[in-house]
Amino acid sequence: IWRNKSVKPYPISKRFEEIWPDSKILLVNDVTAAGYALVGQGFKNFCLISVSSGIGNKLFIDGKHFVGPSGFGWELVHGRVDFSDDPLPCDCGDHGHLASIASGRGTLKFVKREARRQQSAFLRSAVAAMCRANVEALTNEMLVEAFSQDDPWVTEMIEKSASYLGRSIAF
């Protein structure tokens, strides 16, 4: 979003000092901070989504982040999306959550599982050559390289992983 020239950086710490003078502010959620930067630019009602090693999102209503009575807000990350017999483990300890399939770490876990399931297709892929057919040696950097080479198997795996995120956002 910061590459979008219509959105300017926002001095979040200055704004916090105006709201809560003489308070020590500890920022623990960068998605919330980015959301308040957008609020500072005039946006009021939106959902901000960040996909990296994990997945974060924050819903803003009338210029304030929404957490609701449970304190969780509208968090996508721990919504169950995989109801199969062997859903992937999530970092939280549960299984089948969106983060366990579509985050950076989750995509890697997903591709490794599929490589074991689809061994012959995996072995024909560019990424298999990169990791010398050792699924455990597979990295996100290798996936990015194979994807940028339009490797058919890796592209299919990334599309499957990302489809969980797309459906969750659409919901």
C-alpha atoms as a PDB file:
ATOM      1  CA  ILE A   1       0.000   0.000   0.000  1.00  0.00           C
ATOM      2  CA  TRP A   2       2.917   2.349   0.619  1.00  0.00           C
ATOM      3  CA  ARG A   3       3.754   2.204  -3.074  1.00  0.00           C
ATOM      4  CA  ASN A   4       0.399   3.813  -3.760  1.00  0.00           C
ATOM      5  CA  LYS A   5       1.225   7.474  -4.367  1.00  0.00           C
ATOM      6  CA  SER A   6      -2.211   8.572  -3.139  1.00  0.00           C
ATOM      7  CA  VAL A   7      -1.371   7.336   0.371  1.00  0.00           C
ATOM      8  CA  LYS A   8       1.267   9.364   2.197  1.00  0.00           C
ATOM      9  CA  PRO A   9       3.270   8.193   5.231  1.00  0.00           C
ATOM     10  CA  TYR A  10       1.600   9.211   8.470  1.00  0.00           C
ATOM     11  CA  PRO A  11       3.389  10.241  11.694  1.00  0.00           C
ATOM     12  CA  ILE A  12       1.617   7.691  13.873  1.00  0.00           C
ATOM     13  CA  SER A  13       3.611   8.372  17.059  1.00  0.00           C
ATOM     14  CA  LYS A  14       2.765  12.092  16.854  1.00  0.00           C
ATOM     15  CA  ARG A  15      -0.920  11.265  16.477  1.00  0.00           C
ATOM     16  CA  PHE A  16      -0.792   8.907  19.462  1.00  0.00           C
ATOM     17  CA  GLU A  17       0.830  11.649  21.561  1.00  0.00           C
ATOM     18  CA  GLU A  18      -2.003  14.006  20.629  1.00  0.00           C
ATOM     19  CA  ILE A  19      -4.628  11.439  21.631  1.00  0.00           C
ATOM     20  CA  TRP A  20      -2.886  10.192  24.795  1.00  0.00           C
ATOM     21  CA  PRO A  21      -0.542  12.925  26.082  1.00  0.00           C
ATOM     22  CA  ASP A  22       2.027  11.924  28.706  1.00  0.00           C
ATOM     23  CA  SER A  23       1.536   8.226  27.890  1.00  0.00           C
ATOM     24  CA  LYS A  24       4.090   5.707  26.801  1.00  0.00           C
ATOM     25  CA  ILE A  25       2.914   4.103  23.583  1.00  0.00           C
ATOM     26  CA  LEU A  26       4.031   0.582  22.709  1.00  0.00           C
ATOM     27  CA  LEU A  27       3.015  -0.383  19.212  1.00  0.00           C
ATOM     28  CA  VAL A  28       2.567  -4.141  18.885  1.00  0.00           C
ATOM     29  CA  ASN A  29       0.554  -4.466  15.681  1.00  0.00           C
ATOM     30  CA  ASP A  30       1.903  -2.980  12.468  1.00  0.00           C
ATOM     31  CA  VAL A  31      -1.377  -3.629  10.623  1.00  0.00           C
ATOM     32  CA  THR A  32      -3.192  -1.433  13.130  1.00  0.00           C
ATOM     33  CA  ALA A  33      -0.536   1.266  12.733  1.00  0.00           C
ATOM     34  CA  ALA A  34      -0.831   1.123   8.948  1.00  0.00           C
ATOM     35  CA  GLY A  35      -4.592   1.371   9.328  1.00  0.00           C
ATOM     36  CA  TYR A  36      -4.318   4.510  11.414  1.00  0.00           C
ATOM     37  CA  ALA A  37      -1.994   5.947   8.792  1.00  0.00           C
ATOM     38  CA  LEU A  38      -4.835   5.474   6.294  1.00  0.00           C
ATOM     39  CA  VAL A  39      -7.307   7.013   8.733  1.00  0.00           C
ATOM     40  CA  GLY A  40      -4.978  10.011   8.852  1.00  0.00           C
ATOM     41  CA  GLN A  41      -5.341  10.244   5.074  1.00  0.00           C
ATOM     42  CA  GLY A  42      -9.137  10.377   5.327  1.00  0.00           C
ATOM     43  CA  PHE A  43     -10.102   6.721   4.933  1.00  0.00           C
ATOM     44  CA  LYS A  44     -12.774   5.711   7.455  1.00  0.00           C
ATOM     45  CA  ASN A  45     -14.273   2.291   6.615  1.00  0.00           C
ATOM     46  CA  PHE A  46     -11.958  -0.413   5.290  1.00  0.00           C
ATOM     47  CA  CYS A  47     -10.188  -3.661   5.990  1.00  0.00           C
ATOM     48  CA  LEU A  48      -6.402  -3.730   5.734  1.00  0.00           C
ATOM     49  CA  ILE A  49      -4.812  -7.113   4.977  1.00  0.00           C
ATOM     50  CA  SER A  50      -1.114  -7.975   5.220  1.00  0.00           C
ATOM     51  CA  VAL A  51       0.249 -11.269   3.927  1.00  0.00           C
ATOM     52  CA  SER A  52       3.846 -12.114   4.788  1.00  0.00           C
ATOM     53  CA  SER A  53       5.252 -14.797   7.072  1.00  0.00           C
ATOM     54  CA  GLY A  54       1.814 -14.662   8.672  1.00  0.00           C
ATOM     55  CA  ILE A  55      -1.462 -12.997   7.782  1.00  0.00           C
ATOM     56  CA  GLY A  56      -2.788  -9.957   9.567  1.00  0.00           C
ATOM     57  CA  ASN A  57      -5.851  -7.872   9.031  1.00  0.00           C
ATOM     58  CA  LYS A  58      -7.692  -5.124  10.791  1.00  0.00           C
ATOM     59  CA  LEU A  59     -11.188  -3.836  10.187  1.00  0.00           C
ATOM     60  CA  PHE A  60     -11.733  -0.085  10.586  1.00  0.00           C
ATOM     61  CA  ILE A  61     -15.200   1.359  11.072  1.00  0.00           C
ATOM     62  CA  ASP A  62     -15.734   5.108  11.336  1.00  0.00           C
ATOM     63  CA  GLY A  63     -11.968   5.613  11.591  1.00  0.00           C
ATOM     64  CA  LYS A  64     -11.440   3.227  14.540  1.00  0.00           C
ATOM     65  CA  HIS A  65     -10.199  -0.329  14.532  1.00  0.00           C
ATOM     66  CA  PHE A  66     -12.946  -2.786  15.362  1.00  0.00           C
ATOM     67  CA  VAL A  67     -12.254  -5.474  17.922  1.00  0.00           C
ATOM     68  CA  GLY A  68     -15.780  -6.331  19.076  1.00  0.00           C
ATOM     69  CA  PRO A  69     -16.772  -7.873  22.407  1.00  0.00           C
ATOM     70  CA  SER A  70     -14.322 -10.779  22.100  1.00  0.00           C
ATOM     71  CA  GLY A  71     -11.367  -8.486  21.437  1.00  0.00           C
ATOM     72  CA  PHE A  72     -10.465 -10.299  18.226  1.00  0.00           C
ATOM     73  CA  GLY A  73     -12.185  -8.122  15.643  1.00  0.00           C
ATOM     74  CA  TRP A  74     -12.625  -9.568  12.229  1.00  0.00           C
ATOM     75  CA  GLU A  75      -9.468 -11.672  12.095  1.00  0.00           C
ATOM     76  CA  LEU A  76      -9.096 -13.856   9.019  1.00  0.00           C
ATOM     77  CA  VAL A  77      -5.937 -15.604  10.089  1.00  0.00           C
ATOM     78  CA  HIS A  78      -7.430 -18.182  12.438  1.00  0.00           C
ATOM     79  CA  GLY A  79     -10.581 -18.936  10.484  1.00  0.00           C
ATOM     80  CA  ARG A  80     -10.763 -22.632   9.655  1.00  0.00           C
ATOM     81  CA  VAL A  81     -10.623 -23.145   5.895  1.00  0.00           C
ATOM     82  CA  ASP A  82      -9.341 -26.719   5.582  1.00  0.00           C
ATOM     83  CA  PHE A  83     -11.794 -29.357   6.765  1.00  0.00           C
ATOM     84  CA  SER A  84      -9.906 -32.315   5.303  1.00  0.00           C
ATOM     85  CA  ASP A  85      -8.861 -35.354   7.323  1.00  0.00           C
ATOM     86  CA  ASP A  86      -5.287 -34.040   7.634  1.00  0.00           C
ATOM     87  CA  PRO A  87      -5.354 -30.245   7.869  1.00  0.00           C
ATOM     88  CA  LEU A  88      -2.020 -28.500   8.271  1.00  0.00           C
ATOM     89  CA  PRO A  89      -1.048 -27.286  11.746  1.00  0.00           C
ATOM     90  CA  CYS A  90      -1.295 -23.567  12.458  1.00  0.00           C
ATOM     91  CA  ASP A  91       1.327 -21.711  14.490  1.00  0.00           C
ATOM     92  CA  CYS A  92      -1.353 -21.276  17.178  1.00  0.00           C
ATOM     93  CA  GLY A  93      -1.499 -25.046  17.698  1.00  0.00           C
ATOM     94  CA  ASP A  94      -4.842 -25.675  16.007  1.00  0.00           C
ATOM     95  CA  HIS A  95      -5.250 -27.065  12.475  1.00  0.00           C
ATOM     96  CA  GLY A  96      -6.723 -25.991   9.156  1.00  0.00           C
ATOM     97  CA  HIS A  97      -6.581 -22.244   9.724  1.00  0.00           C
ATOM     98  CA  LEU A  98      -6.057 -19.810   6.872  1.00  0.00           C
ATOM     99  CA  ALA A  99      -2.583 -18.960   8.184  1.00  0.00           C
ATOM    100  CA  SER A 100      -1.575 -22.615   8.031  1.00  0.00           C
ATOM    101  CA  ILE A 101      -2.142 -22.658   4.256  1.00  0.00           C
ATOM    102  CA  ALA A 102      -1.894 -19.151   2.780  1.00  0.00           C
ATOM    103  CA  SER A 103       0.692 -17.209   4.820  1.00  0.00           C
ATOM    104  CA  GLY A 104       4.343 -17.331   3.830  1.00  0.00           C
ATOM    105  CA  ARG A 105       5.062 -20.089   6.330  1.00  0.00           C
ATOM    106  CA  GLY A 106       1.751 -21.767   5.546  1.00  0.00           C
ATOM    107  CA  THR A 107       2.310 -21.785   1.799  1.00  0.00           C
ATOM    108  CA  LEU A 108       5.644 -23.505   2.303  1.00  0.00           C
ATOM    109  CA  LYS A 109       4.021 -26.138   4.564  1.00  0.00           C
ATOM    110  CA  PHE A 110       1.233 -26.598   2.006  1.00  0.00           C
ATOM    111  CA  VAL A 111       3.658 -27.059  -0.918  1.00  0.00           C
ATOM    112  CA  LYS A 112       5.805 -29.497   1.058  1.00  0.00           C
ATOM    113  CA  ARG A 113       2.735 -31.596   1.905  1.00  0.00           C
ATOM    114  CA  GLU A 114       1.625 -31.571  -1.721  1.00  0.00           C
ATOM    115  CA  ALA A 115       5.153 -32.485  -2.884  1.00  0.00           C
ATOM    116  CA  ARG A 116       4.944 -35.612  -0.731  1.00  0.00           C
ATOM    117  CA  ARG A 117       1.463 -36.412  -2.054  1.00  0.00           C
ATOM    118  CA  GLN A 118       2.290 -35.679  -5.701  1.00  0.00           C
ATOM    119  CA  GLN A 119       5.835 -36.992  -5.756  1.00  0.00           C
ATOM    120  CA  SER A 120       6.087 -37.652  -9.513  1.00  0.00           C
ATOM    121  CA  ALA A 121       4.706 -34.200 -10.439  1.00  0.00           C
ATOM    122  CA  PHE A 122       6.961 -32.582  -7.855  1.00  0.00           C
ATOM    123  CA  LEU A 123      10.035 -34.368  -9.213  1.00  0.00           C
ATOM    124  CA  ARG A 124       9.331 -32.930 -12.693  1.00  0.00           C
ATOM    125  CA  SER A 125       9.198 -29.380 -11.330  1.00  0.00           C
ATOM    126  CA  ALA A 126      11.926 -26.763 -11.370  1.00  0.00           C
ATOM    127  CA  VAL A 127      11.737 -26.483  -7.603  1.00  0.00           C
ATOM    128  CA  ALA A 128      12.608 -30.176  -7.183  1.00  0.00           C
ATOM    129  CA  ALA A 129      15.865 -29.559  -9.012  1.00  0.00           C
ATOM    130  CA  MET A 130      16.568 -26.546  -6.779  1.00  0.00           C
ATOM    131  CA  CYS A 131      16.165 -28.550  -3.577  1.00  0.00           C
ATOM    132  CA  ARG A 132      17.721 -31.702  -5.104  1.00  0.00           C
ATOM    133  CA  ALA A 133      14.396 -33.522  -4.657  1.00  0.00           C
ATOM    134  CA  ASN A 134      14.650 -33.115  -0.868  1.00  0.00           C
ATOM    135  CA  VAL A 135      11.254 -31.780   0.197  1.00  0.00           C
ATOM    136  CA  GLU A 136      12.598 -30.773   3.604  1.00  0.00           C
ATOM    137  CA  ALA A 137      15.221 -28.541   1.951  1.00  0.00           C
ATOM    138  CA  LEU A 138      12.546 -26.611   0.042  1.00  0.00           C
ATOM    139  CA  THR A 139      12.399 -22.880   0.902  1.00  0.00           C
ATOM    140  CA  ASN A 140      10.119 -19.969   0.106  1.00  0.00           C
ATOM    141  CA  GLU A 141      12.930 -18.424  -1.929  1.00  0.00           C
ATOM    142  CA  MET A 142      12.979 -21.533  -4.125  1.00  0.00           C
ATOM    143  CA  LEU A 143       9.224 -21.333  -4.569  1.00  0.00           C
ATOM    144  CA  VAL A 144       9.493 -17.681  -5.610  1.00  0.00           C
ATOM    145  CA  GLU A 145      12.220 -18.521  -8.132  1.00  0.00           C
ATOM    146  CA  ALA A 146      10.270 -21.451  -9.619  1.00  0.00           C
ATOM    147  CA  PHE A 147       7.088 -19.378  -9.706  1.00  0.00           C
ATOM    148  CA  SER A 148       8.903 -16.552 -11.513  1.00  0.00           C
ATOM    149  CA  GLN A 149      10.071 -19.158 -14.051  1.00  0.00           C
ATOM    150  CA  ASP A 150       6.406 -20.104 -14.616  1.00  0.00           C
ATOM    151  CA  ASP A 151       6.971 -23.631 -13.373  1.00  0.00           C
ATOM    152  CA  PRO A 152       3.561 -25.307 -13.940  1.00  0.00           C
ATOM    153  CA  TRP A 153       3.517 -27.418 -10.776  1.00  0.00           C
ATOM    154  CA  VAL A 154       4.662 -24.611  -8.470  1.00  0.00           C
ATOM    155  CA  THR A 155       2.223 -22.178 -10.112  1.00  0.00           C
ATOM    156  CA  GLU A 156      -0.609 -24.638  -9.494  1.00  0.00           C
ATOM    157  CA  MET A 157       0.424 -25.066  -5.845  1.00  0.00           C
ATOM    158  CA  ILE A 158       0.648 -21.310  -5.235  1.00  0.00           C
ATOM    159  CA  GLU A 159      -2.731 -20.777  -6.899  1.00  0.00           C
ATOM    160  CA  LYS A 160      -4.297 -23.454  -4.675  1.00  0.00           C
ATOM    161  CA  SER A 161      -2.754 -21.957  -1.552  1.00  0.00           C
ATOM    162  CA  ALA A 162      -3.772 -18.414  -2.506  1.00  0.00           C
ATOM    163  CA  SER A 163      -7.312 -19.518  -3.364  1.00  0.00           C
ATOM    164  CA  TYR A 164      -7.972 -20.058   0.349  1.00  0.00           C
ATOM    165  CA  LEU A 165      -7.018 -16.439   0.996  1.00  0.00           C
ATOM    166  CA  GLY A 166      -9.111 -15.191  -1.923  1.00  0.00           C
ATOM    167  CA  ARG A 167     -12.202 -17.070  -0.746  1.00  0.00           C
ATOM    168  CA  SER A 168     -11.722 -15.814   2.808  1.00  0.00           C
ATOM    169  CA  ILE A 169     -11.451 -12.210   1.647  1.00  0.00           C
ATOM    170  CA  ALA A 170     -14.503 -12.631  -0.609  1.00  0.00           C
ATOM    171  CA  PHE A 171     -16.482 -14.014   2.336  1.00  0.00           C
END
